[in-house]
Amino acid sequence: MQEDEFDKIERTNLAKLCKHEVVRLYQFGSHSDYGCIKCGMKSLIIEDFRIKK
């Protein structure tokens, strides 16, 4: 998914409570980040999306 498309998605969940739906984000054809389409969280490291108990 392109980063500009990702930024346009409306979100309702909070990052701490979210069960993340992670997508790879691209900018100019190159992988740039990972992002959750539910809460909008972005990170270069996919492990940041794992739920901590």
N, C-alpha and C. Protein backbone atom coordinates (compact mmCIF):
# COMPACT_ATOMS: atom_id res chain seq x y z
N MET A 1 0.86 -1.16 0.00
CA MET A 1 0.00 0.00 0.00
C MET A 1 0.91 1.23 0.00
N GLN A 2 0.53 2.21 -0.76
CA GLN A 2 1.29 3.46 -0.81
C GLN A 2 1.04 4.26 0.47
N GLU A 3 2.08 4.96 0.95
CA GLU A 3 1.94 5.71 2.20
C GLU A 3 0.87 6.78 2.13
N ASP A 4 0.71 7.45 0.99
CA ASP A 4 -0.32 8.49 0.90
C ASP A 4 -1.72 7.90 0.98
N GLU A 5 -1.93 6.68 0.44
CA GLU A 5 -3.21 6.00 0.57
C GLU A 5 -3.46 5.62 2.03
N PHE A 6 -2.42 5.13 2.68
CA PHE A 6 -2.52 4.72 4.08
C PHE A 6 -2.91 5.90 4.97
N ASP A 7 -2.33 7.05 4.73
CA ASP A 7 -2.60 8.23 5.55
C ASP A 7 -4.03 8.74 5.41
N LYS A 8 -4.72 8.39 4.33
CA LYS A 8 -6.09 8.85 4.11
C LYS A 8 -7.15 8.00 4.80
N ILE A 9 -6.78 6.82 5.32
CA ILE A 9 -7.73 5.91 5.96
C ILE A 9 -8.17 6.49 7.30
N GLU A 10 -9.50 6.48 7.55
CA GLU A 10 -10.02 6.92 8.84
C GLU A 10 -9.83 5.80 9.86
N ARG A 11 -9.41 6.19 11.06
CA ARG A 11 -9.16 5.20 12.10
C ARG A 11 -9.96 5.53 13.35
N THR A 12 -10.35 4.46 14.07
CA THR A 12 -11.14 4.65 15.28
C THR A 12 -10.51 4.01 16.50
N ASN A 13 -9.58 3.08 16.33
CA ASN A 13 -8.99 2.35 17.45
C ASN A 13 -7.76 3.04 18.01
N LEU A 14 -7.50 2.80 19.28
CA LEU A 14 -6.28 3.28 19.91
C LEU A 14 -5.19 2.24 19.73
N ALA A 15 -3.96 2.65 19.53
CA ALA A 15 -2.85 1.73 19.25
C ALA A 15 -2.63 0.73 20.38
N LYS A 16 -2.83 1.13 21.63
CA LYS A 16 -2.58 0.23 22.75
C LYS A 16 -3.61 -0.90 22.82
N LEU A 17 -4.82 -0.65 22.35
CA LEU A 17 -5.90 -1.64 22.43
C LEU A 17 -6.14 -2.37 21.12
N CYS A 18 -5.45 -1.99 20.09
CA CYS A 18 -5.72 -2.49 18.75
C CYS A 18 -5.15 -3.88 18.52
N LYS A 19 -5.93 -4.73 17.85
CA LYS A 19 -5.41 -5.99 17.31
C LYS A 19 -5.00 -5.65 15.88
N HIS A 20 -3.73 -5.37 15.71
CA HIS A 20 -3.22 -4.77 14.49
C HIS A 20 -3.46 -5.60 13.23
N GLU A 21 -3.80 -4.89 12.16
CA GLU A 21 -3.85 -5.44 10.80
C GLU A 21 -2.74 -4.73 10.04
N VAL A 22 -1.59 -5.39 9.95
CA VAL A 22 -0.39 -4.76 9.44
C VAL A 22 -0.29 -4.93 7.92
N VAL A 23 0.08 -3.84 7.25
CA VAL A 23 0.36 -3.86 5.82
C VAL A 23 1.75 -3.27 5.61
N ARG A 24 2.39 -3.65 4.51
CA ARG A 24 3.67 -3.06 4.14
C ARG A 24 3.39 -1.75 3.42
N LEU A 25 4.13 -0.73 3.78
CA LEU A 25 3.96 0.58 3.16
C LEU A 25 5.12 0.85 2.22
N TYR A 26 4.79 1.45 1.08
CA TYR A 26 5.78 1.74 0.05
C TYR A 26 5.74 3.23 -0.28
N GLN A 27 6.92 3.75 -0.59
CA GLN A 27 7.01 5.12 -1.07
C GLN A 27 7.95 5.11 -2.26
N PHE A 28 7.46 5.58 -3.40
CA PHE A 28 8.22 5.59 -4.65
C PHE A 28 8.68 4.18 -5.05
N GLY A 29 7.84 3.17 -4.76
CA GLY A 29 8.12 1.81 -5.16
C GLY A 29 9.01 1.03 -4.23
N SER A 30 9.51 1.64 -3.16
CA SER A 30 10.38 0.95 -2.21
C SER A 30 9.67 0.78 -0.87
N HIS A 31 9.91 -0.37 -0.23
CA HIS A 31 9.33 -0.62 1.09
C HIS A 31 9.90 0.39 2.05
N SER A 32 9.00 1.11 2.78
CA SER A 32 9.48 2.15 3.68
C SER A 32 9.13 1.85 5.15
N ASP A 33 7.95 1.33 5.42
CA ASP A 33 7.48 1.09 6.79
C ASP A 33 6.46 -0.02 6.79
N TYR A 34 6.00 -0.36 8.00
CA TYR A 34 4.82 -1.18 8.21
C TYR A 34 3.80 -0.28 8.87
N GLY A 35 2.51 -0.54 8.61
CA GLY A 35 1.47 0.27 9.22
C GLY A 35 0.23 -0.54 9.52
N CYS A 36 -0.47 -0.16 10.59
CA CYS A 36 -1.73 -0.80 10.96
C CYS A 36 -2.87 0.00 10.35
N ILE A 37 -3.73 -0.67 9.59
CA ILE A 37 -4.83 0.03 8.94
C ILE A 37 -5.96 0.34 9.91
N LYS A 38 -5.96 -0.25 11.10
CA LYS A 38 -7.00 0.03 12.09
C LYS A 38 -6.69 1.27 12.92
N CYS A 39 -5.44 1.39 13.43
CA CYS A 39 -5.14 2.48 14.36
C CYS A 39 -4.18 3.52 13.78
N GLY A 40 -3.52 3.22 12.67
CA GLY A 40 -2.64 4.20 12.05
C GLY A 40 -1.20 4.17 12.52
N MET A 41 -0.88 3.25 13.42
CA MET A 41 0.49 3.15 13.91
C MET A 41 1.42 2.77 12.77
N LYS A 42 2.61 3.41 12.72
CA LYS A 42 3.62 3.11 11.71
C LYS A 42 4.93 2.77 12.41
N SER A 43 5.67 1.83 11.83
CA SER A 43 6.98 1.49 12.37
C SER A 43 7.79 0.79 11.29
N LEU A 44 9.09 0.98 11.34
CA LEU A 44 9.99 0.28 10.43
C LEU A 44 10.19 -1.16 10.89
N ILE A 45 9.96 -1.41 12.19
CA ILE A 45 10.20 -2.73 12.79
C ILE A 45 8.87 -3.42 13.02
N ILE A 46 8.65 -4.56 12.38
CA ILE A 46 7.37 -5.26 12.47
C ILE A 46 7.10 -5.79 13.88
N GLU A 47 8.13 -6.08 14.64
CA GLU A 47 7.95 -6.58 16.01
C GLU A 47 7.24 -5.56 16.90
N ASP A 48 7.27 -4.29 16.55
CA ASP A 48 6.57 -3.28 17.35
C ASP A 48 5.06 -3.49 17.37
N PHE A 49 4.54 -4.28 16.44
CA PHE A 49 3.09 -4.51 16.35
C PHE A 49 2.64 -5.72 17.16
N ARG A 50 3.55 -6.47 17.70
CA ARG A 50 3.18 -7.64 18.50
C ARG A 50 2.57 -7.18 19.81
N ILE A 51 1.51 -7.85 20.22
CA ILE A 51 0.81 -7.49 21.46
C ILE A 51 1.65 -7.96 22.64
N LYS A 52 1.92 -7.03 23.53
CA LYS A 52 2.72 -7.34 24.72
C LYS A 52 1.78 -7.66 25.87
N LYS A 53 2.05 -8.77 26.53
CA LYS A 53 1.17 -9.20 27.63
C LYS A 53 1.81 -8.88 28.95
